[in-house]
Amino acid sequence: MTSTLRNYLVMALGVAALLTAEVVPAIAQPAGPSPVERLRRDTEAIHALGVSGVQARVIAPDGRQSVATSGTADLNTGRPVSSGGYFRMASTSKTLVATVVLQLEAEGRLSLDDTVDHWLPAVVRGNGNDGSHITIRHLLQHTSGIRDALPGYTTPKEYYQQRHNVYEPERLVDLAMAHEPEDFLPGKGWA
């Protein structure tokens, strides 16, 4: 190989390397903000609506977490919202569960007219409760007749005494099954 040919080859490889170096990053760059940046922007947007403090946490299937915060956790001191904070979802979880159930129904994996016994055989039994007459639709519409047996808060003192109580699902079912159902048949009333 002549030195001229070798020089052209080296120059061609050098140009190819430079072009590749310029093209690969252009291809590898995400189109738009990262998921973490979008989460941060979303918390700021919610805060801008007038919510005093916002925390959002996303947990990926592999367990990695992304957290973003915006605003104030304590209006008196101005302390910012902590990225390590947790809060009770309480009844908010009903909406999330209902969303998943409706997605499963849309995928044909269950029917809103399936009975509780179809999916949880013999779980809803006792004191007049009968899961063979209660459908998923009844549960979602709060027309099942199953009594809400959780203690309520009637005073601030009761709230502060009970606010950190945690109930496992089995315990909640046991509490409800310890009571007779509401005074209506499933689907014929609301509670």
N, C-alpha and C. Protein backbone atom coordinates (compact mmCIF):
# COMPACT_ATOMS: atom_id res chain seq x y z
N MET A 1 0.86 -1.17 0.00
CA MET A 1 0.00 0.00 0.00
C MET A 1 0.91 1.22 0.00
N THR A 2 0.62 2.14 -0.88
CA THR A 2 1.44 3.34 -0.99
C THR A 2 1.11 4.28 0.14
N SER A 3 2.02 5.17 0.44
CA SER A 3 1.79 6.11 1.54
C SER A 3 0.64 7.06 1.21
N THR A 4 0.45 7.41 -0.07
CA THR A 4 -0.65 8.28 -0.46
C THR A 4 -1.99 7.57 -0.21
N LEU A 5 -2.07 6.32 -0.60
CA LEU A 5 -3.29 5.54 -0.40
C LEU A 5 -3.56 5.37 1.10
N ARG A 6 -2.49 5.13 1.85
CA ARG A 6 -2.62 4.97 3.29
C ARG A 6 -3.12 6.28 3.91
N ASN A 7 -2.59 7.41 3.47
CA ASN A 7 -3.03 8.72 3.99
C ASN A 7 -4.50 8.97 3.69
N TYR A 8 -4.94 8.64 2.45
CA TYR A 8 -6.36 8.79 2.10
C TYR A 8 -7.24 7.89 2.98
N LEU A 9 -6.78 6.67 3.19
CA LEU A 9 -7.54 5.72 4.00
C LEU A 9 -7.65 6.22 5.44
N VAL A 10 -6.55 6.68 6.00
CA VAL A 10 -6.56 7.21 7.37
C VAL A 10 -7.47 8.43 7.44
N MET A 11 -7.38 9.32 6.43
CA MET A 11 -8.22 10.51 6.43
C MET A 11 -9.69 10.11 6.29
N ALA A 12 -10.02 9.14 5.46
CA ALA A 12 -11.40 8.68 5.28
C ALA A 12 -11.94 8.07 6.57
N LEU A 13 -11.11 7.27 7.23
CA LEU A 13 -11.53 6.69 8.52
C LEU A 13 -11.73 7.78 9.56
N GLY A 14 -10.85 8.78 9.56
CA GLY A 14 -10.98 9.90 10.49
C GLY A 14 -12.26 10.68 10.26
N VAL A 15 -12.56 10.97 8.99
CA VAL A 15 -13.81 11.69 8.66
C VAL A 15 -15.02 10.84 9.05
N ALA A 16 -14.96 9.54 8.77
CA ALA A 16 -16.07 8.64 9.14
C ALA A 16 -16.27 8.63 10.65
N ALA A 17 -15.16 8.60 11.40
CA ALA A 17 -15.26 8.61 12.87
C ALA A 17 -15.87 9.92 13.35
N LEU A 18 -15.43 11.04 12.76
CA LEU A 18 -16.00 12.33 13.16
C LEU A 18 -17.49 12.42 12.82
N LEU A 19 -17.86 11.97 11.64
CA LEU A 19 -19.28 11.99 11.26
C LEU A 19 -20.10 11.10 12.18
N THR A 20 -19.56 9.93 12.48
CA THR A 20 -20.27 9.01 13.39
C THR A 20 -20.42 9.65 14.76
N ALA A 21 -19.36 10.30 15.23
CA ALA A 21 -19.41 10.95 16.53
C ALA A 21 -20.47 12.04 16.56
N GLU A 22 -20.70 12.70 15.43
CA GLU A 22 -21.71 13.75 15.37
C GLU A 22 -23.11 13.17 15.21
N VAL A 23 -23.24 12.06 14.48
CA VAL A 23 -24.55 11.48 14.19
C VAL A 23 -25.09 10.69 15.37
N VAL A 24 -24.25 9.87 16.02
CA VAL A 24 -24.73 9.01 17.09
C VAL A 24 -25.34 9.80 18.24
N PRO A 25 -24.68 10.87 18.74
CA PRO A 25 -25.34 11.63 19.80
C PRO A 25 -26.65 12.25 19.34
N ALA A 26 -26.73 12.66 18.08
CA ALA A 26 -27.98 13.24 17.59
C ALA A 26 -29.08 12.20 17.61
N ILE A 27 -28.74 10.96 17.30
CA ILE A 27 -29.74 9.90 17.31
C ILE A 27 -30.07 9.48 18.74
N ALA A 28 -29.07 9.45 19.62
CA ALA A 28 -29.25 8.95 20.97
C ALA A 28 -29.94 9.95 21.89
N GLN A 29 -30.01 11.20 21.51
CA GLN A 29 -30.62 12.20 22.37
C GLN A 29 -32.13 11.99 22.44
N PRO A 30 -32.71 12.03 23.65
CA PRO A 30 -34.16 11.89 23.75
C PRO A 30 -34.86 13.07 23.10
N ALA A 31 -36.01 12.79 22.53
CA ALA A 31 -36.80 13.84 21.89
C ALA A 31 -37.67 14.49 22.95
N GLY A 32 -37.15 15.49 23.60
CA GLY A 32 -37.91 16.19 24.63
C GLY A 32 -37.35 15.92 26.01
N PRO A 33 -38.05 16.43 27.02
CA PRO A 33 -37.55 16.31 28.39
C PRO A 33 -37.59 14.86 28.88
N SER A 34 -36.71 14.56 29.81
CA SER A 34 -36.65 13.22 30.40
C SER A 34 -37.90 13.00 31.26
N PRO A 35 -38.19 11.74 31.60
CA PRO A 35 -39.34 11.48 32.49
C PRO A 35 -39.22 12.21 33.82
N VAL A 36 -38.01 12.29 34.38
CA VAL A 36 -37.82 13.00 35.64
C VAL A 36 -38.11 14.49 35.47
N GLU A 37 -37.64 15.05 34.36
CA GLU A 37 -37.91 16.47 34.08
C GLU A 37 -39.41 16.71 33.89
N ARG A 38 -40.10 15.81 33.20
CA ARG A 38 -41.56 15.95 33.02
C ARG A 38 -42.27 15.87 34.37
N LEU A 39 -41.84 14.97 35.24
CA LEU A 39 -42.43 14.85 36.57
C LEU A 39 -42.23 16.15 37.35
N ARG A 40 -41.03 16.72 37.28
CA ARG A 40 -40.75 17.99 37.96
C ARG A 40 -41.64 19.10 37.41
N ARG A 41 -41.77 19.17 36.09
CA ARG A 41 -42.63 20.19 35.47
C ARG A 41 -44.10 20.01 35.89
N ASP A 42 -44.54 18.74 35.98
CA ASP A 42 -45.92 18.48 36.39
C ASP A 42 -46.18 18.94 37.82
N THR A 43 -45.23 18.68 38.73
CA THR A 43 -45.45 19.12 40.11
C THR A 43 -45.48 20.65 40.18
N GLU A 44 -44.65 21.30 39.40
CA GLU A 44 -44.66 22.77 39.37
C GLU A 44 -45.98 23.30 38.80
N ALA A 45 -46.51 22.62 37.79
CA ALA A 45 -47.79 23.05 37.20
C ALA A 45 -48.93 22.89 38.20
N ILE A 46 -48.93 21.81 38.95
CA ILE A 46 -49.97 21.60 39.96
C ILE A 46 -49.84 22.65 41.06
N HIS A 47 -48.62 22.93 41.48
CA HIS A 47 -48.39 23.96 42.49
C HIS A 47 -48.89 25.32 41.97
N ALA A 48 -48.65 25.60 40.71
CA ALA A 48 -49.08 26.88 40.12
C ALA A 48 -50.60 27.03 40.10
N LEU A 49 -51.32 25.92 40.18
CA LEU A 49 -52.79 25.98 40.22
C LEU A 49 -53.31 26.44 41.58
N GLY A 50 -52.41 26.52 42.57
CA GLY A 50 -52.83 26.98 43.88
C GLY A 50 -52.68 25.94 44.98
N VAL A 51 -52.19 24.75 44.67
CA VAL A 51 -51.95 23.74 45.68
C VAL A 51 -50.68 24.15 46.43
N SER A 52 -50.75 24.19 47.75
CA SER A 52 -49.61 24.72 48.51
C SER A 52 -48.36 23.88 48.38
N GLY A 53 -48.50 22.57 48.34
CA GLY A 53 -47.33 21.70 48.22
C GLY A 53 -47.67 20.44 47.45
N VAL A 54 -46.73 19.98 46.64
CA VAL A 54 -46.95 18.82 45.78
C VAL A 54 -45.74 17.90 45.86
N GLN A 55 -46.01 16.62 45.98
CA GLN A 55 -44.97 15.60 45.85
C GLN A 55 -45.49 14.54 44.90
N ALA A 56 -44.68 14.15 43.94
CA ALA A 56 -45.05 13.07 43.01
C ALA A 56 -43.93 12.05 43.00
N ARG A 57 -44.30 10.79 43.05
CA ARG A 57 -43.33 9.70 43.07
C ARG A 57 -43.75 8.67 42.04
N VAL A 58 -42.82 8.26 41.21
CA VAL A 58 -43.06 7.21 40.23
C VAL A 58 -42.10 6.08 40.55
N ILE A 59 -42.63 4.86 40.65
CA ILE A 59 -41.80 3.69 40.91
C ILE A 59 -41.85 2.82 39.67
N ALA A 60 -40.70 2.63 39.06
CA ALA A 60 -40.59 1.82 37.83
C ALA A 60 -40.70 0.34 38.17
N PRO A 61 -41.02 -0.49 37.19
CA PRO A 61 -41.13 -1.93 37.43
C PRO A 61 -39.86 -2.54 38.05
N ASP A 62 -38.71 -1.95 37.77
CA ASP A 62 -37.47 -2.48 38.35
C ASP A 62 -37.18 -1.91 39.74
N GLY A 63 -38.10 -1.10 40.27
CA GLY A 63 -37.95 -0.56 41.62
C GLY A 63 -37.32 0.82 41.70
N ARG A 64 -36.76 1.31 40.59
CA ARG A 64 -36.18 2.65 40.61
C ARG A 64 -37.29 3.68 40.85
N GLN A 65 -36.96 4.70 41.65
CA GLN A 65 -37.94 5.73 41.98
C GLN A 65 -37.49 7.08 41.47
N SER A 66 -38.45 7.84 41.02
CA SER A 66 -38.24 9.24 40.67
C SER A 66 -39.21 10.05 41.52
N VAL A 67 -38.70 11.11 42.13
CA VAL A 67 -39.51 11.95 42.99
C VAL A 67 -39.31 13.40 42.58
N ALA A 68 -40.40 14.15 42.56
CA ALA A 68 -40.32 15.58 42.30
C ALA A 68 -41.23 16.29 43.30
N THR A 69 -40.82 17.47 43.72
CA THR A 69 -41.61 18.23 44.67
C THR A 69 -41.70 19.68 44.21
N SER A 70 -42.71 20.36 44.74
CA SER A 70 -42.86 21.78 44.47
C SER A 70 -43.70 22.39 45.58
N GLY A 71 -43.37 23.58 45.98
CA GLY A 71 -44.20 24.28 46.94
C GLY A 71 -43.77 24.10 48.38
N THR A 72 -44.72 24.36 49.26
CA THR A 72 -44.46 24.46 50.69
C THR A 72 -45.21 23.38 51.46
N ALA A 73 -44.50 22.70 52.36
CA ALA A 73 -45.12 21.69 53.21
C ALA A 73 -45.79 22.32 54.43
N ASP A 74 -45.22 23.41 54.91
CA ASP A 74 -45.74 24.08 56.10
C ASP A 74 -45.87 25.57 55.79
N LEU A 75 -47.10 26.04 55.71
CA LEU A 75 -47.33 27.44 55.35
C LEU A 75 -46.83 28.40 56.42
N ASN A 76 -46.78 27.95 57.67
CA ASN A 76 -46.32 28.83 58.75
C ASN A 76 -44.81 29.04 58.70
N THR A 77 -44.06 27.98 58.44
CA THR A 77 -42.59 28.08 58.46
C THR A 77 -42.00 28.25 57.06
N GLY A 78 -42.77 27.92 56.03
CA GLY A 78 -42.24 27.98 54.67
C GLY A 78 -41.39 26.78 54.30
N ARG A 79 -41.38 25.76 55.16
CA ARG A 79 -40.58 24.56 54.89
C ARG A 79 -41.03 23.93 53.58
N PRO A 80 -40.08 23.63 52.68
CA PRO A 80 -40.47 23.04 51.39
C PRO A 80 -40.95 21.60 51.54
N VAL A 81 -41.65 21.13 50.55
CA VAL A 81 -42.12 19.75 50.53
C VAL A 81 -40.90 18.83 50.44
N SER A 82 -40.89 17.81 51.27
CA SER A 82 -39.78 16.86 51.31
C SER A 82 -39.94 15.80 50.22
N SER A 83 -38.84 15.42 49.61
CA SER A 83 -38.91 14.35 48.61
C SER A 83 -39.05 12.98 49.28
N GLY A 84 -38.83 12.91 50.60
CA GLY A 84 -38.94 11.64 51.30
C GLY A 84 -40.25 11.47 52.04
N GLY A 85 -41.19 12.37 51.83
CA GLY A 85 -42.45 12.31 52.55
C GLY A 85 -43.40 11.25 52.01
N TYR A 86 -44.27 10.79 52.87
CA TYR A 86 -45.33 9.86 52.50
C TYR A 86 -46.65 10.41 53.02
N PHE A 87 -47.74 10.01 52.40
CA PHE A 87 -49.04 10.45 52.85
C PHE A 87 -50.04 9.32 52.68
N ARG A 88 -51.12 9.40 53.42
CA ARG A 88 -52.17 8.39 53.33
C ARG A 88 -53.05 8.70 52.14
N MET A 89 -53.25 7.69 51.31
CA MET A 89 -54.12 7.87 50.15
C MET A 89 -55.58 7.77 50.54
N ALA A 90 -55.85 6.93 51.54
CA ALA A 90 -57.22 6.71 52.02
C ALA A 90 -58.15 6.40 50.85
N SER A 91 -59.26 7.10 50.74
CA SER A 91 -60.25 6.78 49.71
C SER A 91 -59.80 7.09 48.29
N THR A 92 -58.70 7.81 48.14
CA THR A 92 -58.18 8.08 46.81
C THR A 92 -57.85 6.77 46.09
N SER A 93 -57.48 5.75 46.85
CA SER A 93 -57.12 4.47 46.24
C SER A 93 -58.31 3.83 45.52
N LYS A 94 -59.54 4.17 45.92
CA LYS A 94 -60.71 3.61 45.23
C LYS A 94 -60.70 3.97 43.75
N THR A 95 -60.33 5.19 43.45
CA THR A 95 -60.28 5.64 42.05
C THR A 95 -59.23 4.87 41.28
N LEU A 96 -58.08 4.64 41.88
CA LEU A 96 -57.01 3.91 41.21
C LEU A 96 -57.40 2.46 40.96
N VAL A 97 -58.01 1.83 41.97
CA VAL A 97 -58.45 0.43 41.81
C VAL A 97 -59.52 0.35 40.74
N ALA A 98 -60.47 1.27 40.76
CA ALA A 98 -61.53 1.26 39.75
C ALA A 98 -60.96 1.42 38.35
N THR A 99 -59.95 2.26 38.19
CA THR A 99 -59.32 2.45 36.88
C THR A 99 -58.72 1.15 36.38
N VAL A 100 -58.01 0.44 37.24
CA VAL A 100 -57.40 -0.84 36.84
C VAL A 100 -58.48 -1.86 36.50
N VAL A 101 -59.53 -1.92 37.30
CA VAL A 101 -60.62 -2.87 37.04
C VAL A 101 -61.26 -2.57 35.68
N LEU A 102 -61.49 -1.30 35.39
CA LEU A 102 -62.09 -0.95 34.10
C LEU A 102 -61.14 -1.25 32.94
N GLN A 103 -59.85 -1.09 33.16
CA GLN A 103 -58.88 -1.48 32.12
C GLN A 103 -58.93 -2.99 31.87
N LEU A 104 -59.00 -3.77 32.94
CA LEU A 104 -59.09 -5.22 32.80
C LEU A 104 -60.38 -5.62 32.08
N GLU A 105 -61.46 -4.91 32.36
CA GLU A 105 -62.73 -5.18 31.68
C GLU A 105 -62.61 -4.85 30.20
N ALA A 106 -61.97 -3.73 29.88
CA ALA A 106 -61.80 -3.33 28.48
C ALA A 106 -60.93 -4.34 27.72
N GLU A 107 -60.00 -4.98 28.42
CA GLU A 107 -59.13 -5.99 27.80
C GLU A 107 -59.81 -7.36 27.71
N GLY A 108 -61.02 -7.46 28.26
CA GLY A 108 -61.75 -8.72 28.22
C GLY A 108 -61.27 -9.74 29.25
N ARG A 109 -60.53 -9.28 30.25
CA ARG A 109 -59.99 -10.20 31.25
C ARG A 109 -60.95 -10.45 32.40
N LEU A 110 -61.96 -9.58 32.54
CA LEU A 110 -63.03 -9.77 33.51
C LEU A 110 -64.26 -9.03 33.02
N SER A 111 -65.37 -9.29 33.67
CA SER A 111 -66.61 -8.61 33.33
C SER A 111 -67.12 -7.89 34.57
N LEU A 112 -67.71 -6.73 34.40
CA LEU A 112 -68.28 -6.03 35.54
C LEU A 112 -69.43 -6.80 36.16
N ASP A 113 -69.98 -7.75 35.40
CA ASP A 113 -71.07 -8.57 35.91
C ASP A 113 -70.59 -9.88 36.54
N ASP A 114 -69.28 -10.10 36.60
CA ASP A 114 -68.74 -11.24 37.34
C ASP A 114 -69.07 -11.06 38.81
N THR A 115 -69.34 -12.16 39.49
CA THR A 115 -69.61 -12.07 40.93
C THR A 115 -68.29 -12.02 41.71
N VAL A 116 -68.40 -11.55 42.92
CA VAL A 116 -67.24 -11.54 43.82
C VAL A 116 -66.78 -12.98 44.03
N ASP A 117 -67.72 -13.91 44.17
CA ASP A 117 -67.35 -15.32 44.36
C ASP A 117 -66.57 -15.89 43.18
N HIS A 118 -66.81 -15.37 41.98
CA HIS A 118 -66.06 -15.85 40.82
C HIS A 118 -64.56 -15.62 41.00
N TRP A 119 -64.20 -14.47 41.55
CA TRP A 119 -62.79 -14.10 41.71
C TRP A 119 -62.27 -14.37 43.11
N LEU A 120 -63.12 -14.31 44.10
CA LEU A 120 -62.72 -14.53 45.50
C LEU A 120 -63.71 -15.50 46.15
N PRO A 121 -63.64 -16.78 45.77
CA PRO A 121 -64.61 -17.76 46.28
C PRO A 121 -64.65 -17.80 47.81
N ALA A 122 -65.86 -17.72 48.33
CA ALA A 122 -66.16 -17.86 49.76
C ALA A 122 -65.52 -16.79 50.65
N VAL A 123 -65.03 -15.70 50.08
CA VAL A 123 -64.44 -14.63 50.89
C VAL A 123 -65.54 -13.77 51.49
N VAL A 124 -66.55 -13.42 50.68
CA VAL A 124 -67.66 -12.59 51.17
C VAL A 124 -68.78 -13.53 51.61
N ARG A 125 -68.71 -13.91 52.89
CA ARG A 125 -69.67 -14.84 53.50
C ARG A 125 -69.83 -14.51 54.97
N GLY A 126 -71.02 -14.68 55.47
CA GLY A 126 -71.26 -14.52 56.89
C GLY A 126 -72.21 -13.39 57.20
N ASN A 127 -73.06 -13.62 58.20
CA ASN A 127 -74.01 -12.62 58.68
C ASN A 127 -74.90 -12.05 57.59
N GLY A 128 -75.24 -12.89 56.60
CA GLY A 128 -76.14 -12.47 55.53
C GLY A 128 -75.42 -11.92 54.31
N ASN A 129 -74.11 -11.77 54.36
CA ASN A 129 -73.32 -11.32 53.20
C ASN A 129 -73.12 -12.52 52.28
N ASP A 130 -73.29 -12.32 50.97
CA ASP A 130 -73.18 -13.43 50.02
C ASP A 130 -72.54 -12.94 48.73
N GLY A 131 -71.27 -13.31 48.54
CA GLY A 131 -70.51 -12.89 47.36
C GLY A 131 -71.03 -13.44 46.05
N SER A 132 -71.92 -14.44 46.10
CA SER A 132 -72.47 -14.98 44.85
C SER A 132 -73.56 -14.07 44.28
N HIS A 133 -74.03 -13.09 45.06
CA HIS A 133 -75.04 -12.15 44.59
C HIS A 133 -74.49 -10.74 44.36
N ILE A 134 -73.21 -10.55 44.64
CA ILE A 134 -72.59 -9.23 44.53
C ILE A 134 -71.64 -9.25 43.33
N THR A 135 -71.80 -8.28 42.43
CA THR A 135 -70.96 -8.21 41.24
C THR A 135 -69.85 -7.17 41.41
N ILE A 136 -68.89 -7.22 40.50
CA ILE A 136 -67.84 -6.20 40.49
C ILE A 136 -68.47 -4.82 40.27
N ARG A 137 -69.49 -4.77 39.42
CA ARG A 137 -70.19 -3.50 39.19
C ARG A 137 -70.78 -2.95 40.50
N HIS A 138 -71.37 -3.82 41.31
CA HIS A 138 -71.92 -3.38 42.60
C HIS A 138 -70.82 -2.80 43.48
N LEU A 139 -69.66 -3.45 43.50
CA LEU A 139 -68.55 -2.93 44.31
C LEU A 139 -68.12 -1.55 43.83
N LEU A 140 -67.96 -1.41 42.52
CA LEU A 140 -67.51 -0.12 41.97
C LEU A 140 -68.54 0.99 42.19
N GLN A 141 -69.82 0.64 42.18
CA GLN A 141 -70.87 1.65 42.33
C GLN A 141 -71.30 1.85 43.78
N HIS A 142 -70.65 1.14 44.71
CA HIS A 142 -71.00 1.23 46.14
C HIS A 142 -72.44 0.80 46.38
N THR A 143 -72.89 -0.20 45.62
CA THR A 143 -74.26 -0.70 45.77
C THR A 143 -74.26 -2.17 46.17
N SER A 144 -73.16 -2.66 46.72
CA SER A 144 -73.05 -4.08 47.08
C SER A 144 -73.83 -4.41 48.34
N GLY A 145 -74.04 -3.45 49.21
CA GLY A 145 -74.68 -3.71 50.48
C GLY A 145 -73.71 -4.10 51.57
N ILE A 146 -72.44 -4.33 51.24
CA ILE A 146 -71.46 -4.65 52.26
C ILE A 146 -71.27 -3.42 53.15
N ARG A 147 -71.37 -3.66 54.44
CA ARG A 147 -71.30 -2.56 55.40
C ARG A 147 -69.85 -2.07 55.56
N ASP A 148 -69.70 -0.76 55.60
CA ASP A 148 -68.40 -0.15 55.89
C ASP A 148 -68.21 -0.24 57.40
N ALA A 149 -67.29 -1.08 57.84
CA ALA A 149 -67.13 -1.32 59.26
C ALA A 149 -65.94 -0.58 59.87
N LEU A 150 -65.30 0.28 59.10
CA LEU A 150 -64.18 1.02 59.66
C LEU A 150 -64.68 2.07 60.64
N PRO A 151 -63.90 2.29 61.70
CA PRO A 151 -64.29 3.35 62.62
C PRO A 151 -64.16 4.70 61.94
N GLY A 152 -65.08 5.57 62.26
CA GLY A 152 -65.04 6.91 61.68
C GLY A 152 -64.41 7.89 62.65
N TYR A 153 -64.13 9.05 62.16
CA TYR A 153 -63.59 10.11 63.01
C TYR A 153 -64.71 11.11 63.26
N THR A 154 -65.06 11.27 64.50
CA THR A 154 -66.11 12.26 64.81
C THR A 154 -65.54 13.47 65.54
N THR A 155 -64.29 13.34 66.01
CA THR A 155 -63.65 14.46 66.70
C THR A 155 -62.19 14.54 66.23
N PRO A 156 -61.58 15.70 66.37
CA PRO A 156 -60.15 15.79 66.05
C PRO A 156 -59.32 14.81 66.89
N LYS A 157 -59.72 14.61 68.14
CA LYS A 157 -58.98 13.69 69.02
C LYS A 157 -59.00 12.28 68.43
N GLU A 158 -60.16 11.81 67.95
CA GLU A 158 -60.25 10.47 67.33
C GLU A 158 -59.38 10.40 66.08
N TYR A 159 -59.38 11.46 65.32
CA TYR A 159 -58.53 11.47 64.12
C TYR A 159 -57.07 11.27 64.50
N TYR A 160 -56.58 12.05 65.46
CA TYR A 160 -55.18 11.95 65.85
C TYR A 160 -54.86 10.60 66.49
N GLN A 161 -55.82 9.98 67.13
CA GLN A 161 -55.59 8.65 67.73
C GLN A 161 -55.53 7.56 66.66
N GLN A 162 -56.29 7.70 65.58
CA GLN A 162 -56.44 6.62 64.60
C GLN A 162 -55.75 6.87 63.27
N ARG A 163 -55.18 8.03 63.07
CA ARG A 163 -54.71 8.40 61.74
C ARG A 163 -53.59 7.53 61.20
N HIS A 164 -52.85 6.84 62.04
CA HIS A 164 -51.76 6.00 61.57
C HIS A 164 -52.13 4.51 61.58
N ASN A 165 -53.38 4.20 61.86
CA ASN A 165 -53.80 2.79 61.84
C ASN A 165 -53.70 2.25 60.43
N VAL A 166 -53.19 1.04 60.32
CA VAL A 166 -53.06 0.37 59.04
C VAL A 166 -53.87 -0.92 59.12
N TYR A 167 -54.68 -1.16 58.11
CA TYR A 167 -55.52 -2.36 58.06
C TYR A 167 -55.12 -3.20 56.86
N GLU A 168 -54.79 -4.43 57.09
CA GLU A 168 -54.51 -5.36 56.00
C GLU A 168 -55.84 -5.72 55.33
N PRO A 169 -55.82 -6.06 54.03
CA PRO A 169 -57.07 -6.37 53.33
C PRO A 169 -57.90 -7.46 54.03
N GLU A 170 -57.25 -8.49 54.52
CA GLU A 170 -57.99 -9.56 55.21
C GLU A 170 -58.73 -9.03 56.43
N ARG A 171 -58.11 -8.12 57.16
CA ARG A 171 -58.73 -7.53 58.34
C ARG A 171 -59.94 -6.70 57.95
N LEU A 172 -59.85 -5.97 56.86
CA LEU A 172 -60.99 -5.17 56.41
C LEU A 172 -62.17 -6.05 56.04
N VAL A 173 -61.89 -7.18 55.35
CA VAL A 173 -62.96 -8.11 55.00
C VAL A 173 -63.57 -8.69 56.28
N ASP A 174 -62.73 -9.09 57.22
CA ASP A 174 -63.22 -9.64 58.49
C ASP A 174 -64.12 -8.64 59.21
N LEU A 175 -63.71 -7.38 59.25
CA LEU A 175 -64.53 -6.35 59.91
C LEU A 175 -65.88 -6.22 59.22
N ALA A 176 -65.89 -6.19 57.89
CA ALA A 176 -67.15 -6.04 57.15
C ALA A 176 -68.04 -7.27 57.32
N MET A 177 -67.46 -8.46 57.29
CA MET A 177 -68.25 -9.69 57.38
C MET A 177 -68.78 -9.92 58.79
N ALA A 178 -68.25 -9.22 59.78
CA ALA A 178 -68.74 -9.33 61.15
C ALA A 178 -70.09 -8.63 61.33
N HIS A 179 -70.51 -7.88 60.29
CA HIS A 179 -71.78 -7.13 60.35
C HIS A 179 -72.73 -7.64 59.29
N GLU A 180 -74.02 -7.46 59.57
CA GLU A 180 -75.03 -7.76 58.55
C GLU A 180 -74.90 -6.72 57.44
N PRO A 181 -75.31 -7.09 56.21
CA PRO A 181 -75.25 -6.11 55.13
C PRO A 181 -76.25 -4.98 55.37
N GLU A 182 -76.13 -3.96 54.56
CA GLU A 182 -77.08 -2.85 54.60
C GLU A 182 -78.48 -3.38 54.35
N ASP A 183 -79.48 -2.54 54.55
CA ASP A 183 -80.87 -2.97 54.42
C ASP A 183 -81.39 -2.90 52.98
N PHE A 184 -80.61 -3.39 52.03
CA PHE A 184 -81.05 -3.48 50.63
C PHE A 184 -80.30 -4.61 49.96
N LEU A 185 -80.90 -5.13 48.90
CA LEU A 185 -80.25 -6.18 48.12
C LEU A 185 -79.15 -5.55 47.26
N PRO A 186 -78.12 -6.34 46.90
CA PRO A 186 -77.08 -5.79 46.04
C PRO A 186 -77.66 -5.17 44.78
N GLY A 187 -77.22 -3.94 44.49
CA GLY A 187 -77.67 -3.22 43.31
C GLY A 187 -78.95 -2.42 43.52
N LYS A 188 -79.57 -2.54 44.68
CA LYS A 188 -80.86 -1.87 44.93
C LYS A 188 -80.77 -0.69 45.90
N GLY A 189 -79.59 -0.31 46.27
CA GLY A 189 -79.40 0.82 47.18
C GLY A 189 -77.96 1.30 47.09
N TRP A 190 -77.64 2.29 47.90
CA TRP A 190 -76.30 2.84 47.86
C TRP A 190 -75.84 3.12 49.27
N ALA A 191 -74.60 2.78 49.54
CA ALA A 191 -74.04 3.07 50.88
C ALA A 191 -72.55 3.26 50.77
